[in-house]
Amino acid sequence: MFIKDYISKDYPAFSRKDSIEEASDIAKEFGYSHVFIVSKGVFLGGLSQSFLEDSPEGKLDSLNIHYERFAIIEDSSILDSIKLFHTFNANVIPVISKEEKYLGYISCDDIFNEFSKYPLFSENGAILTIQTTGLHYSMTEITQIVESNNAKIYGTFISAIKEDSIEITLKISNENLSSIDETFERYGYTVVTKHYDDEKEELLKDRFGFFQKFLEI
């Protein structure tokens, strides 16, 4: 789960003296959203490929006031990368040490491929979103409701936090789904959405959009 276990190094970083055109062409060749600039091994910042395309000819150093200072530290969790991918509209993120040494990069595909192995995404099942008040929220109680109906929880996350309520999305096995609905309602939860048809697994295929829900936590 640590970033350092997913670092790649085949995508080159650039020096300030490299040309804008060369950096843009290489980013396009790799299909990556950003290029990364380093000096003596230290990370200076990134520039989006689309910005490079619209920039006049010259050296990357001429764009230094536009460098975006986003990166992730090697000891971070892969969960920490999700917000960066979203915030900077990136499909690649630089990895640095605590001393800001450039170590390589991680890509969206690397992270999503890892998460696709988890039961939350790999197992067939039902997707259920329930709502309750913040004071009433109890993961222990939610787990007991599901398991008391002989079903299993494959994964759960908080999908929305509002002033007077909280929404929790569950991925559960397909056993006794009607009973689970009734039990949640009996305990004061509102069932907001439910998808019980296995064919609706395409709801999870757009993984980036799905992961963005973690930003609500």
C-alpha atoms as a PDB file:
ATOM      1  CA  MET A   1       0.000   0.000   0.000  1.00  0.00           C
ATOM      2  CA  PHE A   2       3.031   2.318   0.049  1.00  0.00           C
ATOM      3  CA  ILE A   3       3.909   4.501  -2.922  1.00  0.00           C
ATOM      4  CA  LYS A   4       7.528   3.324  -2.934  1.00  0.00           C
ATOM      5  CA  ASP A   5       6.338  -0.144  -3.997  1.00  0.00           C
ATOM      6  CA  TYR A   6       4.824   1.244  -7.225  1.00  0.00           C
ATOM      7  CA  ILE A   7       7.514   3.655  -8.454  1.00  0.00           C
ATOM      8  CA  SER A   8       8.371   3.514 -12.169  1.00  0.00           C
ATOM      9  CA  LYS A   9      11.409   5.094 -13.766  1.00  0.00           C
ATOM     10  CA  ASP A  10      11.029   4.635 -17.526  1.00  0.00           C
ATOM     11  CA  TYR A  11       9.461   8.067 -18.104  1.00  0.00           C
ATOM     12  CA  PRO A  12      12.282  10.641 -18.216  1.00  0.00           C
ATOM     13  CA  ALA A  13      12.424  13.747 -16.064  1.00  0.00           C
ATOM     14  CA  PHE A  14      13.696  16.930 -17.706  1.00  0.00           C
ATOM     15  CA  SER A  15      16.237  19.589 -16.885  1.00  0.00           C
ATOM     16  CA  ARG A  16      15.537  23.297 -17.080  1.00  0.00           C
ATOM     17  CA  LYS A  17      17.681  23.490 -20.222  1.00  0.00           C
ATOM     18  CA  ASP A  18      15.597  20.983 -22.177  1.00  0.00           C
ATOM     19  CA  SER A  19      13.366  22.360 -24.895  1.00  0.00           C
ATOM     20  CA  ILE A  20       9.644  22.857 -24.456  1.00  0.00           C
ATOM     21  CA  GLU A  21       8.958  21.085 -27.737  1.00  0.00           C
ATOM     22  CA  GLU A  22      10.999  17.997 -26.784  1.00  0.00           C
ATOM     23  CA  ALA A  23       9.287  17.696 -23.398  1.00  0.00           C
ATOM     24  CA  SER A  24       5.855  18.067 -24.987  1.00  0.00           C
ATOM     25  CA  ASP A  25       6.606  15.443 -27.638  1.00  0.00           C
ATOM     26  CA  ILE A  26       7.844  12.888 -25.094  1.00  0.00           C
ATOM     27  CA  ALA A  27       4.825  13.423 -22.837  1.00  0.00           C
ATOM     28  CA  LYS A  28       2.566  12.908 -25.838  1.00  0.00           C
ATOM     29  CA  GLU A  29       4.493   9.777 -26.835  1.00  0.00           C
ATOM     30  CA  PHE A  30       4.040   8.260 -23.379  1.00  0.00           C
ATOM     31  CA  GLY A  31       0.449   9.468 -23.127  1.00  0.00           C
ATOM     32  CA  TYR A  32       1.076  11.316 -19.865  1.00  0.00           C
ATOM     33  CA  SER A  33      -0.531  14.543 -18.729  1.00  0.00           C
ATOM     34  CA  HIS A  34       2.557  16.187 -17.211  1.00  0.00           C
ATOM     35  CA  VAL A  35       6.321  16.454 -17.477  1.00  0.00           C
ATOM     36  CA  PHE A  36       8.582  16.846 -14.448  1.00  0.00           C
ATOM     37  CA  ILE A  37      11.562  19.154 -14.137  1.00  0.00           C
ATOM     38  CA  VAL A  38      14.539  18.406 -11.891  1.00  0.00           C
ATOM     39  CA  SER A  39      17.848  20.087 -11.094  1.00  0.00           C
ATOM     40  CA  LYS A  40      20.719  18.023  -9.676  1.00  0.00           C
ATOM     41  CA  GLY A  41      18.210  15.355  -8.761  1.00  0.00           C
ATOM     42  CA  VAL A  42      15.909  17.711  -6.858  1.00  0.00           C
ATOM     43  CA  PHE A  43      12.299  18.016  -7.989  1.00  0.00           C
ATOM     44  CA  LEU A  44      11.413  21.541  -9.145  1.00  0.00           C
ATOM     45  CA  GLY A  45       7.871  21.079 -10.411  1.00  0.00           C
ATOM     46  CA  GLY A  46       5.653  19.872 -13.213  1.00  0.00           C
ATOM     47  CA  LEU A  47       4.052  21.286 -16.338  1.00  0.00           C
ATOM     48  CA  SER A  48       1.018  19.932 -18.129  1.00  0.00           C
ATOM     49  CA  GLN A  49       1.475  18.666 -21.675  1.00  0.00           C
ATOM     50  CA  SER A  50      -1.428  20.811 -22.856  1.00  0.00           C
ATOM     51  CA  PHE A  51       0.245  23.921 -21.401  1.00  0.00           C
ATOM     52  CA  LEU A  52       3.507  23.045 -23.174  1.00  0.00           C
ATOM     53  CA  GLU A  53       1.683  22.706 -26.482  1.00  0.00           C
ATOM     54  CA  ASP A  54       0.348  26.248 -26.144  1.00  0.00           C
ATOM     55  CA  SER A  55       3.702  27.712 -25.058  1.00  0.00           C
ATOM     56  CA  PRO A  56       6.165  29.477 -27.390  1.00  0.00           C
ATOM     57  CA  GLU A  57       9.415  27.763 -28.347  1.00  0.00           C
ATOM     58  CA  GLY A  58      12.192  27.920 -25.794  1.00  0.00           C
ATOM     59  CA  LYS A  59      13.626  26.168 -22.755  1.00  0.00           C
ATOM     60  CA  LEU A  60      11.621  24.767 -19.860  1.00  0.00           C
ATOM     61  CA  ASP A  61      13.360  27.263 -17.591  1.00  0.00           C
ATOM     62  CA  SER A  62      11.463  30.063 -19.347  1.00  0.00           C
ATOM     63  CA  LEU A  63       8.271  28.624 -17.847  1.00  0.00           C
ATOM     64  CA  ASN A  64       9.561  28.307 -14.277  1.00  0.00           C
ATOM     65  CA  ILE A  65       6.901  30.631 -12.830  1.00  0.00           C
ATOM     66  CA  HIS A  66       4.318  28.131 -14.081  1.00  0.00           C
ATOM     67  CA  TYR A  67       5.856  25.039 -12.445  1.00  0.00           C
ATOM     68  CA  GLU A  68       3.215  23.150 -10.482  1.00  0.00           C
ATOM     69  CA  ARG A  69       4.557  21.970  -7.141  1.00  0.00           C
ATOM     70  CA  PHE A  70       2.687  18.710  -6.713  1.00  0.00           C
ATOM     71  CA  ALA A  71       4.302  15.409  -5.793  1.00  0.00           C
ATOM     72  CA  ILE A  72       3.870  12.518  -3.409  1.00  0.00           C
ATOM     73  CA  ILE A  73       6.383  11.281  -0.850  1.00  0.00           C
ATOM     74  CA  GLU A  74       7.572   7.703  -1.255  1.00  0.00           C
ATOM     75  CA  ASP A  75       6.347   6.640   2.207  1.00  0.00           C
ATOM     76  CA  SER A  76       2.773   7.790   1.548  1.00  0.00           C
ATOM     77  CA  SER A  77      -0.154   5.420   1.080  1.00  0.00           C
ATOM     78  CA  ILE A  78      -1.469   4.850  -2.424  1.00  0.00           C
ATOM     79  CA  LEU A  79      -4.770   6.286  -1.158  1.00  0.00           C
ATOM     80  CA  ASP A  80      -3.007   9.639  -0.782  1.00  0.00           C
ATOM     81  CA  SER A  81      -2.366   9.757  -4.536  1.00  0.00           C
ATOM     82  CA  ILE A  82      -6.043   9.801  -5.464  1.00  0.00           C
ATOM     83  CA  LYS A  83      -6.631  13.413  -4.456  1.00  0.00           C
ATOM     84  CA  LEU A  84      -3.542  14.523  -6.407  1.00  0.00           C
ATOM     85  CA  PHE A  85      -4.696  12.769  -9.577  1.00  0.00           C
ATOM     86  CA  HIS A  86      -8.040  14.525  -9.225  1.00  0.00           C
ATOM     87  CA  THR A  87      -6.845  17.992  -8.142  1.00  0.00           C
ATOM     88  CA  PHE A  88      -4.239  18.364 -10.881  1.00  0.00           C
ATOM     89  CA  ASN A  89      -6.200  16.531 -13.568  1.00  0.00           C
ATOM     90  CA  ALA A  90      -3.183  14.259 -13.956  1.00  0.00           C
ATOM     91  CA  ASN A  91      -2.615  10.660 -14.949  1.00  0.00           C
ATOM     92  CA  VAL A  92       0.961  10.651 -13.651  1.00  0.00           C
ATOM     93  CA  ILE A  93       2.416  11.951 -10.373  1.00  0.00           C
ATOM     94  CA  PRO A  94       6.064  12.485  -9.408  1.00  0.00           C
ATOM     95  CA  VAL A  95       7.412  10.604  -6.392  1.00  0.00           C
ATOM     96  CA  ILE A  96       9.954  12.325  -4.165  1.00  0.00           C
ATOM     97  CA  SER A  97      11.880  11.677  -0.970  1.00  0.00           C
ATOM     98  CA  LYS A  98      11.453  13.766   2.178  1.00  0.00           C
ATOM     99  CA  GLU A  99      14.470  15.724   0.950  1.00  0.00           C
ATOM    100  CA  GLU A 100      12.569  16.395  -2.315  1.00  0.00           C
ATOM    101  CA  LYS A 101      14.831  14.195  -4.401  1.00  0.00           C
ATOM    102  CA  TYR A 102      13.057  12.989  -7.531  1.00  0.00           C
ATOM    103  CA  LEU A 103      12.658   9.186  -7.384  1.00  0.00           C
ATOM    104  CA  GLY A 104      10.353   8.394 -10.312  1.00  0.00           C
ATOM    105  CA  TYR A 105       6.629   8.438 -10.870  1.00  0.00           C
ATOM    106  CA  ILE A 106       3.359   6.585 -10.396  1.00  0.00           C
ATOM    107  CA  SER A 107       0.535   6.439 -12.930  1.00  0.00           C
ATOM    108  CA  CYS A 108      -3.237   6.151 -12.616  1.00  0.00           C
ATOM    109  CA  ASP A 109      -3.111   2.732 -14.245  1.00  0.00           C
ATOM    110  CA  ASP A 110      -0.647   1.442 -11.640  1.00  0.00           C
ATOM    111  CA  ILE A 111      -2.887   2.516  -8.779  1.00  0.00           C
ATOM    112  CA  PHE A 112      -6.162   1.373 -10.312  1.00  0.00           C
ATOM    113  CA  ASN A 113      -4.692  -1.986 -11.292  1.00  0.00           C
ATOM    114  CA  GLU A 114      -3.720  -2.493  -7.663  1.00  0.00           C
ATOM    115  CA  PHE A 115      -7.156  -1.554  -6.342  1.00  0.00           C
ATOM    116  CA  SER A 116      -8.862  -3.787  -8.898  1.00  0.00           C
ATOM    117  CA  LYS A 117      -7.486  -6.773  -6.959  1.00  0.00           C
ATOM    118  CA  TYR A 118      -9.433  -5.809  -3.842  1.00  0.00           C
ATOM    119  CA  PRO A 119     -12.829  -7.451  -3.131  1.00  0.00           C
ATOM    120  CA  LEU A 120     -14.484  -4.026  -3.195  1.00  0.00           C
ATOM    121  CA  PHE A 121     -13.910  -4.054  -6.963  1.00  0.00           C
ATOM    122  CA  SER A 122     -13.220  -7.652  -7.930  1.00  0.00           C
ATOM    123  CA  GLU A 123     -16.168  -9.447  -6.310  1.00  0.00           C
ATOM    124  CA  ASN A 124     -19.635  -9.562  -7.808  1.00  0.00           C
ATOM    125  CA  GLY A 125     -22.246  -8.255  -5.449  1.00  0.00           C
ATOM    126  CA  ALA A 126     -24.772  -5.588  -4.589  1.00  0.00           C
ATOM    127  CA  ILE A 127     -24.043  -1.898  -4.128  1.00  0.00           C
ATOM    128  CA  LEU A 128     -26.061  -0.254  -1.399  1.00  0.00           C
ATOM    129  CA  THR A 129     -25.991   3.371  -0.216  1.00  0.00           C
ATOM    130  CA  ILE A 130     -27.606   4.115   3.115  1.00  0.00           C
ATOM    131  CA  GLN A 131     -28.178   7.377   4.945  1.00  0.00           C
ATOM    132  CA  THR A 132     -28.308   8.200   8.626  1.00  0.00           C
ATOM    133  CA  THR A 133     -27.532  11.060  10.983  1.00  0.00           C
ATOM    134  CA  GLY A 134     -23.960  11.682  12.008  1.00  0.00           C
ATOM    135  CA  LEU A 135     -24.788  10.879  15.613  1.00  0.00           C
ATOM    136  CA  HIS A 136     -26.435   7.588  14.651  1.00  0.00           C
ATOM    137  CA  TYR A 137     -23.603   6.421  12.388  1.00  0.00           C
ATOM    138  CA  SER A 138     -21.966   3.227  13.639  1.00  0.00           C
ATOM    139  CA  MET A 139     -19.846   0.952  11.451  1.00  0.00           C
ATOM    140  CA  THR A 140     -20.199  -1.770  14.047  1.00  0.00           C
ATOM    141  CA  GLU A 141     -23.983  -1.646  13.752  1.00  0.00           C
ATOM    142  CA  ILE A 142     -23.865  -1.562   9.940  1.00  0.00           C
ATOM    143  CA  THR A 143     -21.611  -4.617   9.888  1.00  0.00           C
ATOM    144  CA  GLN A 144     -23.884  -6.453  12.319  1.00  0.00           C
ATOM    145  CA  ILE A 145     -26.954  -5.729  10.178  1.00  0.00           C
ATOM    146  CA  VAL A 146     -25.320  -7.160   7.061  1.00  0.00           C
ATOM    147  CA  GLU A 147     -23.785 -10.193   8.778  1.00  0.00           C
ATOM    148  CA  SER A 148     -26.941 -10.979  10.771  1.00  0.00           C
ATOM    149  CA  ASN A 149     -28.599 -11.554   7.393  1.00  0.00           C
ATOM    150  CA  ASN A 150     -25.845 -14.014   6.418  1.00  0.00           C
ATOM    151  CA  ALA A 151     -24.223 -11.656   3.908  1.00  0.00           C
ATOM    152  CA  LYS A 152     -20.649 -10.393   3.650  1.00  0.00           C
ATOM    153  CA  ILE A 153     -19.236  -6.895   3.316  1.00  0.00           C
ATOM    154  CA  TYR A 154     -16.624  -6.622   0.551  1.00  0.00           C
ATOM    155  CA  GLY A 155     -15.931  -2.951   1.154  1.00  0.00           C
ATOM    156  CA  THR A 156     -17.404   0.285   2.424  1.00  0.00           C
ATOM    157  CA  PHE A 157     -16.707   4.006   2.316  1.00  0.00           C
ATOM    158  CA  ILE A 158     -18.330   7.293   3.257  1.00  0.00           C
ATOM    159  CA  SER A 159     -19.765   8.714   0.043  1.00  0.00           C
ATOM    160  CA  ALA A 160     -21.200  11.977   1.393  1.00  0.00           C
ATOM    161  CA  ILE A 161     -21.077  14.065   4.552  1.00  0.00           C
ATOM    162  CA  LYS A 162     -23.775  16.715   4.969  1.00  0.00           C
ATOM    163  CA  GLU A 163     -24.725  19.007   7.820  1.00  0.00           C
ATOM    164  CA  ASP A 164     -27.387  16.709   9.203  1.00  0.00           C
ATOM    165  CA  SER A 165     -26.648  13.349   7.598  1.00  0.00           C
ATOM    166  CA  ILE A 166     -24.027  10.961   6.348  1.00  0.00           C
ATOM    167  CA  GLU A 167     -24.157   8.500   3.451  1.00  0.00           C
ATOM    168  CA  ILE A 168     -22.308   5.186   3.467  1.00  0.00           C
ATOM    169  CA  THR A 169     -21.863   3.044   0.370  1.00  0.00           C
ATOM    170  CA  LEU A 170     -21.444  -0.704   0.810  1.00  0.00           C
ATOM    171  CA  LYS A 171     -20.413  -3.491  -1.546  1.00  0.00           C
ATOM    172  CA  ILE A 172     -22.002  -6.665  -0.184  1.00  0.00           C
ATOM    173  CA  SER A 173     -22.607 -10.232  -1.270  1.00  0.00           C
ATOM    174  CA  ASN A 174     -25.931 -11.074  -2.877  1.00  0.00           C
ATOM    175  CA  GLU A 175     -27.489 -13.095  -0.047  1.00  0.00           C
ATOM    176  CA  ASN A 176     -30.779 -11.998   1.566  1.00  0.00           C
ATOM    177  CA  LEU A 177     -30.813  -8.539   0.031  1.00  0.00           C
ATOM    178  CA  SER A 178     -34.462  -7.807   0.759  1.00  0.00           C
ATOM    179  CA  SER A 179     -33.985  -8.729   4.401  1.00  0.00           C
ATOM    180  CA  ILE A 180     -30.943  -6.442   4.599  1.00  0.00           C
ATOM    181  CA  ASP A 181     -33.024  -3.547   3.210  1.00  0.00           C
ATOM    182  CA  GLU A 182     -35.747  -4.134   5.774  1.00  0.00           C
ATOM    183  CA  THR A 183     -33.291  -4.464   8.641  1.00  0.00           C
ATOM    184  CA  PHE A 184     -31.553  -1.186   7.808  1.00  0.00           C
ATOM    185  CA  GLU A 185     -34.890   0.610   7.689  1.00  0.00           C
ATOM    186  CA  ARG A 186     -35.950  -0.969  10.958  1.00  0.00           C
ATOM    187  CA  TYR A 187     -32.796   0.400  12.587  1.00  0.00           C
ATOM    188  CA  GLY A 188     -33.523   3.907  11.317  1.00  0.00           C
ATOM    189  CA  TYR A 189     -31.392   3.996   8.149  1.00  0.00           C
ATOM    190  CA  THR A 190     -32.690   5.247   4.816  1.00  0.00           C
ATOM    191  CA  VAL A 191     -31.752   3.195   1.762  1.00  0.00           C
ATOM    192  CA  VAL A 192     -30.801   5.890  -0.773  1.00  0.00           C
ATOM    193  CA  THR A 193     -29.758   3.748  -3.733  1.00  0.00           C
ATOM    194  CA  LYS A 194     -29.361   0.054  -4.406  1.00  0.00           C
ATOM    195  CA  HIS A 195     -28.048  -1.883  -7.379  1.00  0.00           C
ATOM    196  CA  TYR A 196     -28.640  -5.606  -7.036  1.00  0.00           C
ATOM    197  CA  ASP A 197     -28.174  -6.663 -10.637  1.00  0.00           C
ATOM    198  CA  ASP A 198     -24.700  -8.103 -11.207  1.00  0.00           C
ATOM    199  CA  GLU A 199     -24.827  -6.740 -14.740  1.00  0.00           C
ATOM    200  CA  LYS A 200     -24.608  -3.273 -13.263  1.00  0.00           C
ATOM    201  CA  GLU A 201     -20.956  -3.816 -12.387  1.00  0.00           C
ATOM    202  CA  GLU A 202     -20.195  -1.139 -14.961  1.00  0.00           C
ATOM    203  CA  LEU A 203     -20.873   1.268 -12.083  1.00  0.00           C
ATOM    204  CA  LEU A 204     -17.416   0.332 -10.851  1.00  0.00           C
ATOM    205  CA  LYS A 205     -15.643   0.356 -14.182  1.00  0.00           C
ATOM    206  CA  ASP A 206     -15.130   4.078 -14.163  1.00  0.00           C
ATOM    207  CA  ARG A 207     -12.701   3.643 -11.323  1.00  0.00           C
ATOM    208  CA  PHE A 208     -11.382   7.166 -11.244  1.00  0.00           C
ATOM    209  CA  GLY A 209     -14.827   8.599 -10.664  1.00  0.00           C
ATOM    210  CA  PHE A 210     -15.496   5.915  -8.082  1.00  0.00           C
ATOM    211  CA  PHE A 211     -12.278   6.704  -6.188  1.00  0.00           C
ATOM    212  CA  GLN A 212     -13.111  10.373  -6.048  1.00  0.00           C
ATOM    213  CA  LYS A 213     -15.699   9.485  -3.441  1.00  0.00           C
ATOM    214  CA  PHE A 214     -12.801   8.992  -1.016  1.00  0.00           C
ATOM    215  CA  LEU A 215     -12.253  12.741  -1.220  1.00  0.00           C
ATOM    216  CA  GLU A 216     -15.409  13.169   0.822  1.00  0.00           C
ATOM    217  CA  ILE A 217     -13.863  11.358   3.795  1.00  0.00           C
END
